[in-house]
Protein backbone atom coordinates (compact mmCIF):
# COMPACT_ATOMS: atom_id res chain seq x y z
CA MET A 1 -60.34 204.28 36.48
CA SER A 2 -63.27 203.85 34.17
CA PHE A 3 -63.90 200.78 32.06
CA SER A 4 -64.21 203.06 29.01
CA ALA A 5 -60.72 204.50 29.42
CA GLU A 6 -59.28 201.03 29.93
CA LEU A 7 -61.11 199.75 26.84
CA ILE A 8 -59.69 202.51 24.63
CA ARG A 9 -56.20 202.07 26.11
CA ASP A 10 -56.26 198.33 25.50
CA PHE A 11 -57.61 198.75 21.97
CA VAL A 12 -54.97 201.31 20.99
CA ASN A 13 -52.28 199.07 22.47
CA THR A 14 -53.22 196.14 20.20
CA TYR A 15 -50.55 197.58 17.91
CA ASP A 16 -47.07 197.83 19.40
CA VAL A 17 -45.26 200.61 17.51
CA GLU A 18 -41.84 199.74 18.93
CA SER A 19 -41.86 196.07 17.93
CA ASP A 20 -44.20 196.54 14.94
CA THR A 21 -46.48 193.73 16.13
CA ASP A 22 -50.24 193.74 15.70
CA GLU A 23 -52.64 191.67 17.81
CA LEU A 24 -55.31 192.38 15.21
CA SER A 25 -53.59 191.07 12.09
CA ALA A 26 -56.54 189.03 10.79
CA PRO A 27 -60.35 189.32 10.95
CA ALA A 28 -60.50 186.34 13.32
CA ASP A 29 -58.10 188.14 15.71
CA LEU A 30 -60.39 191.17 15.74
CA ALA A 31 -63.50 189.07 16.40
CA LEU A 32 -61.76 187.23 19.25
CA TRP A 33 -60.54 190.51 20.82
CA LEU A 34 -64.06 192.01 20.70
CA ARG A 35 -65.69 188.79 21.93
CA GLU A 36 -63.32 188.54 24.92
CA ARG A 37 -64.51 192.00 26.01
CA ASP A 38 -68.21 191.21 25.47
CA LEU A 39 -68.47 193.75 22.66
CA ILE A 40 -69.88 191.22 20.17
CA ALA A 41 -71.81 187.96 20.37
CA SER A 42 -70.14 184.57 20.03
CA ARG A 43 -71.71 184.04 16.59
CA ASP A 44 -70.38 187.35 15.14
CA ARG A 45 -67.57 187.14 12.59
CA ALA A 46 -65.28 189.90 11.33
CA THR A 47 -64.55 190.65 7.67
CA ASP A 48 -61.57 192.26 5.97
CA ASP A 49 -63.58 195.53 5.85
CA ASP A 50 -64.16 195.28 9.61
CA LEU A 51 -60.43 194.78 10.15
CA HIS A 52 -59.66 197.82 8.00
CA SER A 53 -62.17 199.87 10.03
CA ALA A 54 -60.62 198.63 13.29
CA HIS A 55 -57.12 199.67 12.17
CA ALA A 56 -58.41 203.09 11.08
CA LEU A 57 -60.25 203.54 14.38
CA ARG A 58 -57.20 202.49 16.39
CA GLU A 59 -54.85 204.91 14.62
CA GLY A 60 -57.46 207.67 14.76
CA LEU A 61 -57.75 207.16 18.52
CA ARG A 62 -53.94 207.16 18.86
CA ALA A 63 -53.79 210.50 17.01
CA ALA A 64 -56.60 211.90 19.16
CA LEU A 65 -54.73 210.82 22.31
CA ARG A 66 -51.72 212.76 21.03
CA ARG A 67 -54.20 215.66 20.87
CA GLU A 68 -53.83 215.84 17.09
CA GLN A 69 -56.52 216.22 14.45
CA ALA A 70 -57.99 212.76 13.99
CA ASP A 71 -60.23 211.29 11.33
CA LEU A 72 -62.15 208.34 12.72
CA PRO A 73 -63.96 205.96 10.38
CA ALA A 74 -67.73 206.25 10.04
CA LEU A 75 -69.27 203.86 12.54
CA PRO A 76 -72.94 203.03 13.21
CA LEU A 77 -73.60 205.24 16.25
CA GLN A 78 -76.75 206.96 17.37
CA VAL A 79 -77.65 209.20 20.28
CA ARG A 80 -80.08 207.81 22.84
CA ILE A 81 -81.50 209.49 25.90
CA GLY A 82 -81.24 207.16 28.89
CA ASN A 83 -83.73 206.80 31.74
CA ASP A 84 -81.76 209.43 33.66
CA GLY A 85 -82.25 211.96 30.84
CA VAL A 86 -78.55 211.96 29.90
CA PRO A 87 -77.74 211.53 26.20
CA GLU A 88 -75.39 208.70 25.30
CA LEU A 89 -73.82 207.31 22.16
CA VAL A 90 -74.89 203.75 21.42
CA PRO A 91 -74.27 201.43 18.48
CA ALA A 92 -77.00 201.62 15.86
CA ARG A 93 -76.49 197.98 14.98
CA GLY A 94 -74.77 194.86 16.28
CA GLY A 95 -71.97 192.66 15.07
CA VAL A 96 -68.38 193.74 14.64
CA PRO A 97 -69.28 197.25 13.40
CA GLY A 98 -71.36 197.65 16.57
CA GLY A 99 -68.46 196.44 18.72
CA LEU A 100 -66.14 198.99 17.10
CA ALA A 101 -68.83 201.63 17.59
CA ARG A 102 -68.86 200.82 21.33
CA ILE A 103 -65.12 201.52 21.44
CA ALA A 104 -65.59 204.85 19.64
CA ALA A 105 -68.49 205.78 21.93
CA ALA A 106 -66.22 205.25 24.95
CA MET A 107 -64.47 208.50 23.98
CA VAL A 108 -67.32 210.52 25.50
CA GLU A 109 -67.31 208.60 28.78
CA PRO A 110 -65.47 209.74 31.93
CA GLY A 111 -61.75 209.03 31.81
CA TRP A 112 -61.02 210.15 28.23
CA ASP A 113 -59.21 213.24 29.54
CA ARG A 114 -56.83 210.98 31.48
CA LEU A 115 -55.82 208.95 28.43
CA LYS A 116 -52.54 209.84 26.71
CA VAL A 117 -49.99 208.37 24.33
CA CYS A 118 -46.38 208.03 25.42
CA ALA A 119 -44.29 211.01 24.30
CA GLU A 120 -41.44 208.69 23.31
CA GLU A 121 -41.74 208.56 19.50
CA THR A 122 -40.62 204.95 19.25
CA CYS A 123 -43.19 203.83 21.83
CA GLN A 124 -46.59 205.54 21.36
CA TRP A 125 -48.12 203.25 24.02
CA ALA A 126 -51.47 204.44 25.37
CA PHE A 127 -51.70 204.89 29.13
CA ILE A 128 -54.00 206.35 31.76
CA ASP A 129 -52.43 209.37 33.45
CA SER A 130 -53.33 208.93 37.10
CA SER A 131 -51.08 211.75 38.31
CA LYS A 132 -52.84 214.43 40.33
CA ASN A 133 -52.00 217.27 37.92
CA ARG A 134 -52.23 215.14 34.75
CA SER A 135 -48.66 215.97 33.77
CA ARG A 136 -47.33 212.50 32.97
CA SER A 137 -45.68 212.28 29.54
CA TRP A 138 -44.41 208.72 29.30
CA CYS A 139 -45.94 205.30 29.77
CA SER A 140 -42.99 204.48 32.03
CA MET A 141 -40.48 206.87 33.54
CA ARG A 142 -37.99 204.01 34.01
CA VAL A 143 -38.02 203.07 30.32
CA CYS A 144 -39.38 205.73 27.95
CA GLY A 145 -38.82 208.73 30.22
CA ASN A 146 -35.25 207.62 30.86
CA ARG A 147 -34.60 207.09 27.12
CA THR A 148 -35.92 210.54 26.25
CA LYS A 149 -34.05 212.32 29.04
CA THR A 150 -30.80 210.47 28.28
CA ARG A 151 -31.08 211.38 24.60
CA ALA A 152 -31.68 215.03 25.47
CA TYR A 153 -28.75 215.04 27.92
CA ARG A 154 -26.40 213.56 25.30
CA ALA A 155 -27.56 216.07 22.71
CA ARG A 156 -26.88 218.93 25.14
CA LYS A 157 -23.43 217.50 25.91
CA ARG A 158 -22.60 217.21 22.20
CA GLY A 159 -23.71 220.79 21.70
CA SER A 160 -21.57 222.08 24.59
CA ARG A 161 -18.37 220.54 23.17
CA HIS A 162 -18.33 223.12 20.42
CA LEU A 163 -18.21 226.07 22.82
CA PRO A 164 -14.76 227.60 23.42
CA VAL A 165 -13.62 227.06 26.98
CA SER A 166 -11.27 229.42 28.76
CA ASN A 167 -9.45 228.62 31.95
CA THR A 168 -8.38 232.22 32.58
CA ASP A 169 -10.32 235.14 33.88
CA THR A 170 -10.22 238.32 31.86
CA VAL A 171 -10.53 241.65 33.52
């Protein structure tokens, strides 16, 4: 799978919906996360505004992966024509805003169409759908798929209890 798809997946998954934990809870956390992925230089520092932009970008990407209307924050991106003549999105400046812009630009790279968000409402984990027909709905069939299917089965069973049952045939 492409580095771009993995980058977006990992960025979206910095917030765990189920446990309500955020890897990016402070500007220093954001700077460290970007630095570990070579998206910013070692001297770059994040601000509270950068952290706010990162959270907005992350939730905008999560909404886009659910194939919903998404408003992404304004990031410093420009279009550049590479040596091969193919246009590409590149950050217009460096630092943390440039690192966030690199994440946003990854949306137009190969692999975006394979990215999804788990259909289990309590999960919302981003994953790369590697199935041949791109029909995967859950990050894990054993956990989220099983939860969803069990819930649906129980709901159907509850609904069927209200139907009158007859043990005799009528002719």
